[in-house]
Amino acid sequence: MALNLDARQRAMLQDMGITFWGPSAPPAAVPAVAAAAPAEASALPAAVATPAAPAAEAAPQPPTAVIATATATATAPDPQPERAAPIPPAMDAAPTAPQAASADAAPAHATPVYRAPAAASAPWFMAPLVHAYAESAAPDAPDAGWLVLVECADPADPWAGDAGALLNNMLRALRLQQHPQVRIAPLTRQAPGSAAGHPGLEPLAPALQAALATHRPARVLVLGLHAARAVLQRSEALGPLRAELHQLHGVPAVVSYDPAYLLRAPHAKPGAWADLCRAHALQPPAH
């Protein structure tokens, strides 16, 4: 932008010691407004009589600096959004169904569809009780026995597979191989009509009540989230179920991890050991 300064402004800049380079000087004629101004205006201080000079423009950047700045701006990567830390999977949790759409988003003519829980479609059965360590079993032992409820792939053999071997190690860690009354109640979920393939299977609720009344164990150990929900008729997660001392027809019960889950999550073994010790410390109920 060119600065068109009149003779008076050029003279003021020269008196201030400021060198000015610009276009040739405009005509020497004084504007009519300046000529008509009162003579005493020339006597005013320069700071008042002279309008303020326009603000100095920023020094132009060299072409190389402009190119470098434009290149850096064009090639700078866009900031990436922060990614949330991966959420670890819930411990021994049942698969969750996708959440249904909200009622506000559903069309007015949509008909709600009820989906029953997965556990409700597969009834639970209990196989005949098995002496965990038959060599130590004693029918006339004092009333301080154990009843272990655990879901088994093969109800006829609770020791089958790696999960059965780990269950054996868990009980032996408490020296229960020397206990005269340690019984295992294998639990299984069968589709309706398929229970005939496993002789001796009975519906869980009446079979468990009969076993507690007949053998009167001192404590019940329930292993696994699904088994605990079926036995206790509860729907909480495994954490709250483990933290609570339950009662099954007057017999104290402790919930812990399923051996099959511990094979997938070894970090949960200290918690399982704490649950076993808590069950071991329970006193026999008064009959």
C-alpha atoms as a PDB file:
ATOM      1  CA  MET A   1       0.000   0.000   0.000  1.00  0.00           C
ATOM      2  CA  ALA A   2       1.507   3.307  -1.039  1.00  0.00           C
ATOM      3  CA  LEU A   3       1.861   6.144   1.461  1.00  0.00           C
ATOM      4  CA  ASN A   4       0.863   9.441  -0.200  1.00  0.00           C
ATOM      5  CA  LEU A   5       2.379  12.058   2.081  1.00  0.00           C
ATOM      6  CA  ASP A   6       2.061  15.746   1.507  1.00  0.00           C
ATOM      7  CA  ALA A   7       4.906  18.222   1.803  1.00  0.00           C
ATOM      8  CA  ARG A   8       4.138  19.098   5.424  1.00  0.00           C
ATOM      9  CA  GLN A   9       4.221  15.401   6.506  1.00  0.00           C
ATOM     10  CA  ARG A  10       7.467  14.846   4.611  1.00  0.00           C
ATOM     11  CA  ALA A  11       8.986  17.829   6.365  1.00  0.00           C
ATOM     12  CA  MET A  12       7.936  16.523   9.762  1.00  0.00           C
ATOM     13  CA  LEU A  13       9.522  13.132   9.029  1.00  0.00           C
ATOM     14  CA  GLN A  14      12.702  14.855   7.928  1.00  0.00           C
ATOM     15  CA  ASP A  15      12.805  16.944  11.129  1.00  0.00           C
ATOM     16  CA  MET A  16      12.417  13.716  13.141  1.00  0.00           C
ATOM     17  CA  GLY A  17      15.382  12.164  11.383  1.00  0.00           C
ATOM     18  CA  ILE A  18      13.330   9.506   9.592  1.00  0.00           C
ATOM     19  CA  THR A  19      14.389   8.644   6.069  1.00  0.00           C
ATOM     20  CA  PHE A  20      11.458   7.974   3.758  1.00  0.00           C
ATOM     21  CA  TRP A  21      11.552   6.232   0.385  1.00  0.00           C
ATOM     22  CA  GLY A  22       8.435   6.321  -1.683  1.00  0.00           C
ATOM     23  CA  PRO A  23       6.853   7.558  -4.857  1.00  0.00           C
ATOM     24  CA  SER A  24       7.531  10.973  -6.143  1.00  0.00           C
ATOM     25  CA  ALA A  25       6.149  13.816  -4.087  1.00  0.00           C
ATOM     26  CA  PRO A  26       2.551  14.789  -4.761  1.00  0.00           C
ATOM     27  CA  PRO A  27       1.703  18.272  -6.010  1.00  0.00           C
ATOM     28  CA  ALA A  28       2.782  20.972  -3.647  1.00  0.00           C
ATOM     29  CA  ALA A  29      -0.673  22.429  -3.449  1.00  0.00           C
ATOM     30  CA  VAL A  30      -1.973  22.469   0.047  1.00  0.00           C
ATOM     31  CA  PRO A  31      -5.387  20.886   0.445  1.00  0.00           C
ATOM     32  CA  ALA A  32      -8.255  23.271   0.870  1.00  0.00           C
ATOM     33  CA  VAL A  33      -9.002  21.863   4.274  1.00  0.00           C
ATOM     34  CA  ALA A  34      -5.487  22.624   5.486  1.00  0.00           C
ATOM     35  CA  ALA A  35      -5.558  26.136   3.982  1.00  0.00           C
ATOM     36  CA  ALA A  36      -8.832  26.892   5.654  1.00  0.00           C
ATOM     37  CA  ALA A  37      -7.563  25.787   9.053  1.00  0.00           C
ATOM     38  CA  PRO A  38      -7.028  28.542  11.604  1.00  0.00           C
ATOM     39  CA  ALA A  39      -3.549  29.930  11.823  1.00  0.00           C
ATOM     40  CA  GLU A  40      -3.248  29.006  15.478  1.00  0.00           C
ATOM     41  CA  ALA A  41      -3.486  25.302  14.610  1.00  0.00           C
ATOM     42  CA  SER A  42       0.128  25.422  13.469  1.00  0.00           C
ATOM     43  CA  ALA A  43       1.112  26.436  16.953  1.00  0.00           C
ATOM     44  CA  LEU A  44      -0.284  23.208  18.498  1.00  0.00           C
ATOM     45  CA  PRO A  45       2.137  20.463  19.466  1.00  0.00           C
ATOM     46  CA  ALA A  46       2.959  18.071  16.672  1.00  0.00           C
ATOM     47  CA  ALA A  47       1.514  15.108  18.616  1.00  0.00           C
ATOM     48  CA  VAL A  48      -1.897  16.792  18.681  1.00  0.00           C
ATOM     49  CA  ALA A  49      -2.030  18.655  15.414  1.00  0.00           C
ATOM     50  CA  THR A  50      -0.756  15.768  13.294  1.00  0.00           C
ATOM     51  CA  PRO A  51      -2.892  12.612  12.913  1.00  0.00           C
ATOM     52  CA  ALA A  52      -1.310   9.426  14.186  1.00  0.00           C
ATOM     53  CA  ALA A  53       0.776   7.598  11.635  1.00  0.00           C
ATOM     54  CA  PRO A  54      -0.655   4.252  10.523  1.00  0.00           C
ATOM     55  CA  ALA A  55       0.666   1.171  12.286  1.00  0.00           C
ATOM     56  CA  ALA A  56       3.825  -0.200  10.770  1.00  0.00           C
ATOM     57  CA  GLU A  57       3.310  -3.218   8.605  1.00  0.00           C
ATOM     58  CA  ALA A  58       4.955  -6.485   9.521  1.00  0.00           C
ATOM     59  CA  ALA A  59       8.223  -7.015   7.732  1.00  0.00           C
ATOM     60  CA  PRO A  60       7.680  -9.295   4.746  1.00  0.00           C
ATOM     61  CA  GLN A  61       9.163 -12.769   5.082  1.00  0.00           C
ATOM     62  CA  PRO A  62      11.795 -13.882   2.607  1.00  0.00           C
ATOM     63  CA  PRO A  63      10.414 -16.211  -0.068  1.00  0.00           C
ATOM     64  CA  THR A  64      12.340 -19.168   1.330  1.00  0.00           C
ATOM     65  CA  ALA A  65      10.798 -18.709   4.784  1.00  0.00           C
ATOM     66  CA  VAL A  66       7.299 -18.499   3.306  1.00  0.00           C
ATOM     67  CA  ILE A  67       7.808 -21.683   1.305  1.00  0.00           C
ATOM     68  CA  ALA A  68       9.230 -23.513   4.309  1.00  0.00           C
ATOM     69  CA  THR A  69       6.318 -22.432   6.488  1.00  0.00           C
ATOM     70  CA  ALA A  70       3.746 -23.449   3.874  1.00  0.00           C
ATOM     71  CA  THR A  71       5.445 -26.823   3.361  1.00  0.00           C
ATOM     72  CA  ALA A  72       5.577 -27.539   7.096  1.00  0.00           C
ATOM     73  CA  THR A  73       1.895 -26.649   7.426  1.00  0.00           C
ATOM     74  CA  ALA A  74       0.880 -28.829   4.497  1.00  0.00           C
ATOM     75  CA  THR A  75       2.933 -31.857   5.527  1.00  0.00           C
ATOM     76  CA  ALA A  76       2.303 -31.720   9.284  1.00  0.00           C
ATOM     77  CA  PRO A  77       0.284 -34.830  10.233  1.00  0.00           C
ATOM     78  CA  ASP A  78      -3.125 -34.315  11.755  1.00  0.00           C
ATOM     79  CA  PRO A  79      -3.147 -34.976  15.489  1.00  0.00           C
ATOM     80  CA  GLN A  80      -4.430 -38.485  16.152  1.00  0.00           C
ATOM     81  CA  PRO A  81      -7.179 -38.890  18.756  1.00  0.00           C
ATOM     82  CA  GLU A  82      -6.142 -40.609  21.936  1.00  0.00           C
ATOM     83  CA  ARG A  83      -7.093 -44.266  21.969  1.00  0.00           C
ATOM     84  CA  ALA A  84      -8.574 -45.713  25.078  1.00  0.00           C
ATOM     85  CA  ALA A  85      -6.578 -48.416  26.699  1.00  0.00           C
ATOM     86  CA  PRO A  86      -7.827 -51.869  25.742  1.00  0.00           C
ATOM     87  CA  ILE A  87     -10.387 -53.117  28.163  1.00  0.00           C
ATOM     88  CA  PRO A  88      -9.684 -56.370  29.441  1.00  0.00           C
ATOM     89  CA  PRO A  89     -12.433 -59.072  29.227  1.00  0.00           C
ATOM     90  CA  ALA A  90     -14.689 -59.577  32.207  1.00  0.00           C
ATOM     91  CA  MET A  91     -13.502 -62.539  34.458  1.00  0.00           C
ATOM     92  CA  ASP A  92     -15.617 -65.656  34.036  1.00  0.00           C
ATOM     93  CA  ALA A  93     -18.470 -63.621  32.626  1.00  0.00           C
ATOM     94  CA  ALA A  94     -21.207 -65.062  30.485  1.00  0.00           C
ATOM     95  CA  PRO A  95     -21.404 -63.825  26.882  1.00  0.00           C
ATOM     96  CA  THR A  96     -23.588 -60.766  26.762  1.00  0.00           C
ATOM     97  CA  ALA A  97     -26.182 -60.242  24.084  1.00  0.00           C
ATOM     98  CA  PRO A  98     -26.029 -57.006  22.059  1.00  0.00           C
ATOM     99  CA  GLN A  99     -27.890 -54.216  23.754  1.00  0.00           C
ATOM    100  CA  ALA A 100     -31.315 -53.477  22.337  1.00  0.00           C
ATOM    101  CA  ALA A 101     -31.925 -50.113  20.673  1.00  0.00           C
ATOM    102  CA  SER A 102     -33.430 -47.420  22.842  1.00  0.00           C
ATOM    103  CA  ALA A 103     -37.175 -46.980  22.868  1.00  0.00           C
ATOM    104  CA  ASP A 104     -36.846 -43.433  21.537  1.00  0.00           C
ATOM    105  CA  ALA A 105     -34.975 -44.624  18.443  1.00  0.00           C
ATOM    106  CA  ALA A 106     -37.387 -47.467  17.657  1.00  0.00           C
ATOM    107  CA  PRO A 107     -40.141 -46.821  15.134  1.00  0.00           C
ATOM    108  CA  ALA A 108     -43.642 -46.452  16.476  1.00  0.00           C
ATOM    109  CA  HIS A 109     -44.842 -49.635  14.779  1.00  0.00           C
ATOM    110  CA  ALA A 110     -41.972 -51.801  16.071  1.00  0.00           C
ATOM    111  CA  THR A 111     -43.021 -54.702  18.268  1.00  0.00           C
ATOM    112  CA  PRO A 112     -40.674 -55.447  21.189  1.00  0.00           C
ATOM    113  CA  VAL A 113     -39.150 -58.904  21.043  1.00  0.00           C
ATOM    114  CA  TYR A 114     -38.421 -60.720  24.291  1.00  0.00           C
ATOM    115  CA  ARG A 115     -35.205 -62.709  24.373  1.00  0.00           C
ATOM    116  CA  ALA A 116     -34.876 -65.104  27.283  1.00  0.00           C
ATOM    117  CA  PRO A 117     -31.472 -65.414  29.006  1.00  0.00           C
ATOM    118  CA  ALA A 118     -29.229 -68.124  27.625  1.00  0.00           C
ATOM    119  CA  ALA A 119     -29.244 -70.004  30.934  1.00  0.00           C
ATOM    120  CA  ALA A 120     -33.041 -70.182  30.958  1.00  0.00           C
ATOM    121  CA  SER A 121     -33.127 -72.156  27.692  1.00  0.00           C
ATOM    122  CA  ALA A 122     -30.896 -74.895  29.072  1.00  0.00           C
ATOM    123  CA  PRO A 123     -32.070 -76.425  32.370  1.00  0.00           C
ATOM    124  CA  TRP A 124     -29.516 -77.507  34.925  1.00  0.00           C
ATOM    125  CA  PHE A 125     -29.123 -81.058  36.186  1.00  0.00           C
ATOM    126  CA  MET A 126     -27.058 -82.599  38.944  1.00  0.00           C
ATOM    127  CA  ALA A 127     -25.359 -85.972  38.596  1.00  0.00           C
ATOM    128  CA  PRO A 128     -25.078 -88.427  41.508  1.00  0.00           C
ATOM    129  CA  LEU A 129     -22.555 -87.363  44.136  1.00  0.00           C
ATOM    130  CA  VAL A 130     -19.016 -88.680  43.790  1.00  0.00           C
ATOM    131  CA  HIS A 131     -16.569 -89.258  46.634  1.00  0.00           C
ATOM    132  CA  ALA A 132     -13.590 -87.123  45.698  1.00  0.00           C
ATOM    133  CA  TYR A 133     -11.160 -89.456  47.485  1.00  0.00           C
ATOM    134  CA  ALA A 134     -12.748 -92.844  47.984  1.00  0.00           C
ATOM    135  CA  GLU A 135      -9.686 -94.197  49.806  1.00  0.00           C
ATOM    136  CA  SER A 136     -10.274 -91.715  52.651  1.00  0.00           C
ATOM    137  CA  ALA A 137     -14.076 -91.876  52.712  1.00  0.00           C
ATOM    138  CA  ALA A 138     -15.610 -92.847  56.066  1.00  0.00           C
ATOM    139  CA  PRO A 139     -19.385 -93.000  56.527  1.00  0.00           C
ATOM    140  CA  ASP A 140     -19.143 -92.413  60.270  1.00  0.00           C
ATOM    141  CA  ALA A 141     -16.893 -89.346  59.979  1.00  0.00           C
ATOM    142  CA  PRO A 142     -17.660 -86.269  62.070  1.00  0.00           C
ATOM    143  CA  ASP A 143     -20.013 -83.720  60.598  1.00  0.00           C
ATOM    144  CA  ALA A 144     -17.460 -81.513  58.807  1.00  0.00           C
ATOM    145  CA  GLY A 145     -17.793 -82.586  55.205  1.00  0.00           C
ATOM    146  CA  TRP A 146     -17.450 -80.717  51.927  1.00  0.00           C
ATOM    147  CA  LEU A 147     -19.867 -80.556  49.012  1.00  0.00           C
ATOM    148  CA  VAL A 148     -18.298 -79.180  45.837  1.00  0.00           C
ATOM    149  CA  LEU A 149     -20.643 -78.050  43.071  1.00  0.00           C
ATOM    150  CA  VAL A 150     -18.904 -77.646  39.719  1.00  0.00           C
ATOM    151  CA  GLU A 151     -19.967 -77.717  36.088  1.00  0.00           C
ATOM    152  CA  CYS A 152     -18.425 -80.728  34.364  1.00  0.00           C
ATOM    153  CA  ALA A 153     -18.175 -81.563  30.692  1.00  0.00           C
ATOM    154  CA  ASP A 154     -18.581 -85.241  31.602  1.00  0.00           C
ATOM    155  CA  PRO A 155     -20.970 -85.616  34.561  1.00  0.00           C
ATOM    156  CA  ALA A 156     -19.794 -89.202  35.089  1.00  0.00           C
ATOM    157  CA  ASP A 157     -16.152 -88.143  35.594  1.00  0.00           C
ATOM    158  CA  PRO A 158     -15.458 -84.825  37.354  1.00  0.00           C
ATOM    159  CA  TRP A 159     -11.684 -85.425  37.024  1.00  0.00           C
ATOM    160  CA  ALA A 160     -11.771 -85.526  33.218  1.00  0.00           C
ATOM    161  CA  GLY A 161      -9.581 -83.166  31.230  1.00  0.00           C
ATOM    162  CA  ASP A 162      -7.287 -80.377  32.341  1.00  0.00           C
ATOM    163  CA  ALA A 163     -10.093 -78.716  34.330  1.00  0.00           C
ATOM    164  CA  GLY A 164     -10.587 -81.916  36.334  1.00  0.00           C
ATOM    165  CA  ALA A 165      -6.853 -82.167  37.022  1.00  0.00           C
ATOM    166  CA  LEU A 166      -6.795 -78.568  38.243  1.00  0.00           C
ATOM    167  CA  LEU A 167      -9.826 -79.228  40.478  1.00  0.00           C
ATOM    168  CA  ASN A 168      -7.940 -82.145  42.009  1.00  0.00           C
ATOM    169  CA  ASN A 169      -4.913 -79.914  42.645  1.00  0.00           C
ATOM    170  CA  MET A 170      -7.111 -77.255  44.251  1.00  0.00           C
ATOM    171  CA  LEU A 171      -8.623 -79.726  46.709  1.00  0.00           C
ATOM    172  CA  ARG A 172      -5.285 -81.360  47.450  1.00  0.00           C
ATOM    173  CA  ALA A 173      -3.803 -77.957  48.245  1.00  0.00           C
ATOM    174  CA  LEU A 174      -6.158 -77.959  51.256  1.00  0.00           C
ATOM    175  CA  ARG A 175      -5.138 -81.566  52.039  1.00  0.00           C
ATOM    176  CA  LEU A 176      -8.673 -82.674  51.393  1.00  0.00           C
ATOM    177  CA  GLN A 177      -7.413 -85.971  49.987  1.00  0.00           C
ATOM    178  CA  GLN A 178      -7.130 -86.973  53.655  1.00  0.00           C
ATOM    179  CA  HIS A 179     -10.615 -85.751  54.551  1.00  0.00           C
ATOM    180  CA  PRO A 180     -13.220 -88.487  55.003  1.00  0.00           C
ATOM    181  CA  GLN A 181     -16.178 -86.536  53.621  1.00  0.00           C
ATOM    182  CA  VAL A 182     -15.470 -84.681  50.377  1.00  0.00           C
ATOM    183  CA  ARG A 183     -18.175 -85.112  47.774  1.00  0.00           C
ATOM    184  CA  ILE A 184     -18.405 -83.605  44.309  1.00  0.00           C
ATOM    185  CA  ALA A 185     -21.751 -82.846  42.715  1.00  0.00           C
ATOM    186  CA  PRO A 186     -21.187 -82.583  38.930  1.00  0.00           C
ATOM    187  CA  LEU A 187     -23.507 -80.061  37.310  1.00  0.00           C
ATOM    188  CA  THR A 188     -24.420 -79.942  33.649  1.00  0.00           C
ATOM    189  CA  ARG A 189     -26.696 -77.997  31.343  1.00  0.00           C
ATOM    190  CA  GLN A 190     -28.662 -80.044  28.891  1.00  0.00           C
ATOM    191  CA  ALA A 191     -31.084 -79.084  26.194  1.00  0.00           C
ATOM    192  CA  PRO A 192     -34.672 -80.139  26.921  1.00  0.00           C
ATOM    193  CA  GLY A 193     -35.185 -83.841  26.245  1.00  0.00           C
ATOM    194  CA  SER A 194     -31.493 -84.792  26.229  1.00  0.00           C
ATOM    195  CA  ALA A 195     -31.137 -85.687  29.919  1.00  0.00           C
ATOM    196  CA  ALA A 196     -31.884 -89.329  29.130  1.00  0.00           C
ATOM    197  CA  GLY A 197     -28.436 -89.629  27.594  1.00  0.00           C
ATOM    198  CA  HIS A 198     -26.857 -89.292  31.070  1.00  0.00           C
ATOM    199  CA  PRO A 199     -28.278 -91.788  33.536  1.00  0.00           C
ATOM    200  CA  GLY A 200     -28.857 -90.474  37.035  1.00  0.00           C
ATOM    201  CA  LEU A 201     -29.244 -86.811  36.135  1.00  0.00           C
ATOM    202  CA  GLU A 202     -31.885 -85.009  38.163  1.00  0.00           C
ATOM    203  CA  PRO A 203     -33.157 -81.433  38.107  1.00  0.00           C
ATOM    204  CA  LEU A 204     -30.758 -79.275  40.076  1.00  0.00           C
ATOM    205  CA  ALA A 205     -32.994 -77.697  42.740  1.00  0.00           C
ATOM    206  CA  PRO A 206     -34.625 -80.853  44.219  1.00  0.00           C
ATOM    207  CA  ALA A 207     -31.456 -82.920  43.846  1.00  0.00           C
ATOM    208  CA  LEU A 208     -29.374 -80.347  45.714  1.00  0.00           C
ATOM    209  CA  GLN A 209     -31.912 -80.032  48.501  1.00  0.00           C
ATOM    210  CA  ALA A 210     -31.988 -83.813  48.950  1.00  0.00           C
ATOM    211  CA  ALA A 211     -28.178 -84.026  49.000  1.00  0.00           C
ATOM    212  CA  LEU A 212     -27.903 -81.319  51.667  1.00  0.00           C
ATOM    213  CA  ALA A 213     -30.548 -83.004  53.836  1.00  0.00           C
ATOM    214  CA  THR A 214     -28.968 -86.453  53.482  1.00  0.00           C
ATOM    215  CA  HIS A 215     -25.260 -85.731  53.897  1.00  0.00           C
ATOM    216  CA  ARG A 216     -25.415 -82.512  55.972  1.00  0.00           C
ATOM    217  CA  PRO A 217     -22.064 -81.073  54.827  1.00  0.00           C
ATOM    218  CA  ALA A 218     -20.342 -78.390  56.861  1.00  0.00           C
ATOM    219  CA  ARG A 219     -19.870 -76.177  53.817  1.00  0.00           C
ATOM    220  CA  VAL A 220     -20.659 -75.942  50.121  1.00  0.00           C
ATOM    221  CA  LEU A 221     -18.140 -74.757  47.543  1.00  0.00           C
ATOM    222  CA  VAL A 222     -19.691 -73.504  44.299  1.00  0.00           C
ATOM    223  CA  LEU A 223     -17.216 -73.137  41.433  1.00  0.00           C
ATOM    224  CA  GLY A 224     -17.956 -70.937  38.444  1.00  0.00           C
ATOM    225  CA  LEU A 225     -20.240 -68.045  37.572  1.00  0.00           C
ATOM    226  CA  HIS A 226     -22.857 -70.071  35.698  1.00  0.00           C
ATOM    227  CA  ALA A 227     -23.062 -72.751  38.363  1.00  0.00           C
ATOM    228  CA  ALA A 228     -23.346 -70.106  41.096  1.00  0.00           C
ATOM    229  CA  ARG A 229     -26.178 -68.339  39.312  1.00  0.00           C
ATOM    230  CA  ALA A 230     -28.025 -71.604  38.816  1.00  0.00           C
ATOM    231  CA  VAL A 231     -27.564 -72.759  42.420  1.00  0.00           C
ATOM    232  CA  LEU A 232     -28.269 -69.423  44.096  1.00  0.00           C
ATOM    233  CA  GLN A 233     -30.875 -68.188  41.613  1.00  0.00           C
ATOM    234  CA  ARG A 234     -29.016 -64.899  41.349  1.00  0.00           C
ATOM    235  CA  SER A 235     -27.914 -62.796  38.397  1.00  0.00           C
ATOM    236  CA  GLU A 236     -24.987 -60.750  39.757  1.00  0.00           C
ATOM    237  CA  ALA A 237     -21.454 -60.899  38.398  1.00  0.00           C
ATOM    238  CA  LEU A 238     -18.936 -63.258  39.920  1.00  0.00           C
ATOM    239  CA  GLY A 239     -17.230 -60.568  42.029  1.00  0.00           C
ATOM    240  CA  PRO A 240     -20.251 -59.739  44.215  1.00  0.00           C
ATOM    241  CA  LEU A 241     -21.138 -63.437  44.504  1.00  0.00           C
ATOM    242  CA  ARG A 242     -17.624 -64.265  45.720  1.00  0.00           C
ATOM    243  CA  ALA A 243     -17.666 -61.474  48.279  1.00  0.00           C
ATOM    244  CA  GLU A 244     -20.837 -62.728  49.968  1.00  0.00           C
ATOM    245  CA  LEU A 245     -21.295 -65.702  52.284  1.00  0.00           C
ATOM    246  CA  HIS A 246     -24.396 -67.563  51.086  1.00  0.00           C
ATOM    247  CA  GLN A 247     -26.763 -69.987  52.740  1.00  0.00           C
ATOM    248  CA  LEU A 248     -28.158 -73.093  51.040  1.00  0.00           C
ATOM    249  CA  HIS A 249     -30.889 -74.561  53.216  1.00  0.00           C
ATOM    250  CA  GLY A 250     -28.960 -73.537  56.309  1.00  0.00           C
ATOM    251  CA  VAL A 251     -25.529 -74.625  55.031  1.00  0.00           C
ATOM    252  CA  PRO A 252     -22.928 -71.882  54.421  1.00  0.00           C
ATOM    253  CA  ALA A 253     -21.718 -71.656  50.836  1.00  0.00           C
ATOM    254  CA  VAL A 254     -18.731 -69.926  49.206  1.00  0.00           C
ATOM    255  CA  VAL A 255     -18.473 -69.070  45.516  1.00  0.00           C
ATOM    256  CA  SER A 256     -15.183 -69.137  43.623  1.00  0.00           C
ATOM    257  CA  TYR A 257     -13.749 -69.476  40.133  1.00  0.00           C
ATOM    258  CA  ASP A 258     -14.401 -72.364  37.798  1.00  0.00           C
ATOM    259  CA  PRO A 259     -11.276 -74.528  37.181  1.00  0.00           C
ATOM    260  CA  ALA A 260     -11.864 -74.189  33.432  1.00  0.00           C
ATOM    261  CA  TYR A 261     -11.691 -70.415  33.809  1.00  0.00           C
ATOM    262  CA  LEU A 262      -8.519 -70.580  35.895  1.00  0.00           C
ATOM    263  CA  LEU A 263      -6.845 -72.423  33.025  1.00  0.00           C
ATOM    264  CA  ARG A 264      -7.509 -69.384  30.831  1.00  0.00           C
ATOM    265  CA  ALA A 265      -6.769 -66.777  33.510  1.00  0.00           C
ATOM    266  CA  PRO A 266      -3.945 -67.915  35.831  1.00  0.00           C
ATOM    267  CA  HIS A 267      -3.862 -64.434  37.402  1.00  0.00           C
ATOM    268  CA  ALA A 268      -7.121 -65.339  39.209  1.00  0.00           C
ATOM    269  CA  LYS A 269      -5.575 -68.281  41.089  1.00  0.00           C
ATOM    270  CA  PRO A 270      -4.607 -66.222  44.179  1.00  0.00           C
ATOM    271  CA  GLY A 271      -8.226 -65.137  44.508  1.00  0.00           C
ATOM    272  CA  ALA A 272      -9.391 -68.733  44.135  1.00  0.00           C
ATOM    273  CA  TRP A 273      -6.978 -69.821  46.870  1.00  0.00           C
ATOM    274  CA  ALA A 274      -8.334 -67.114  49.193  1.00  0.00           C
ATOM    275  CA  ASP A 275     -11.871 -68.392  48.549  1.00  0.00           C
ATOM    276  CA  LEU A 276     -10.844 -71.965  49.366  1.00  0.00           C
ATOM    277  CA  CYS A 277      -9.222 -70.873  52.619  1.00  0.00           C
ATOM    278  CA  ARG A 278     -12.347 -68.931  53.571  1.00  0.00           C
ATOM    279  CA  ALA A 279     -14.494 -71.994  52.958  1.00  0.00           C
ATOM    280  CA  HIS A 280     -12.086 -74.154  54.946  1.00  0.00           C
ATOM    281  CA  ALA A 281     -12.397 -71.819  57.943  1.00  0.00           C
ATOM    282  CA  LEU A 282     -16.204 -72.100  58.126  1.00  0.00           C
ATOM    283  CA  GLN A 283     -17.646 -73.808  61.163  1.00  0.00           C
ATOM    284  CA  PRO A 284     -20.134 -76.667  60.727  1.00  0.00           C
ATOM    285  CA  PRO A 285     -23.749 -75.492  61.065  1.00  0.00           C
ATOM    286  CA  ALA A 286     -25.683 -76.485  64.160  1.00  0.00           C
ATOM    287  CA  HIS A 287     -28.255 -79.195  63.405  1.00  0.00           C
END
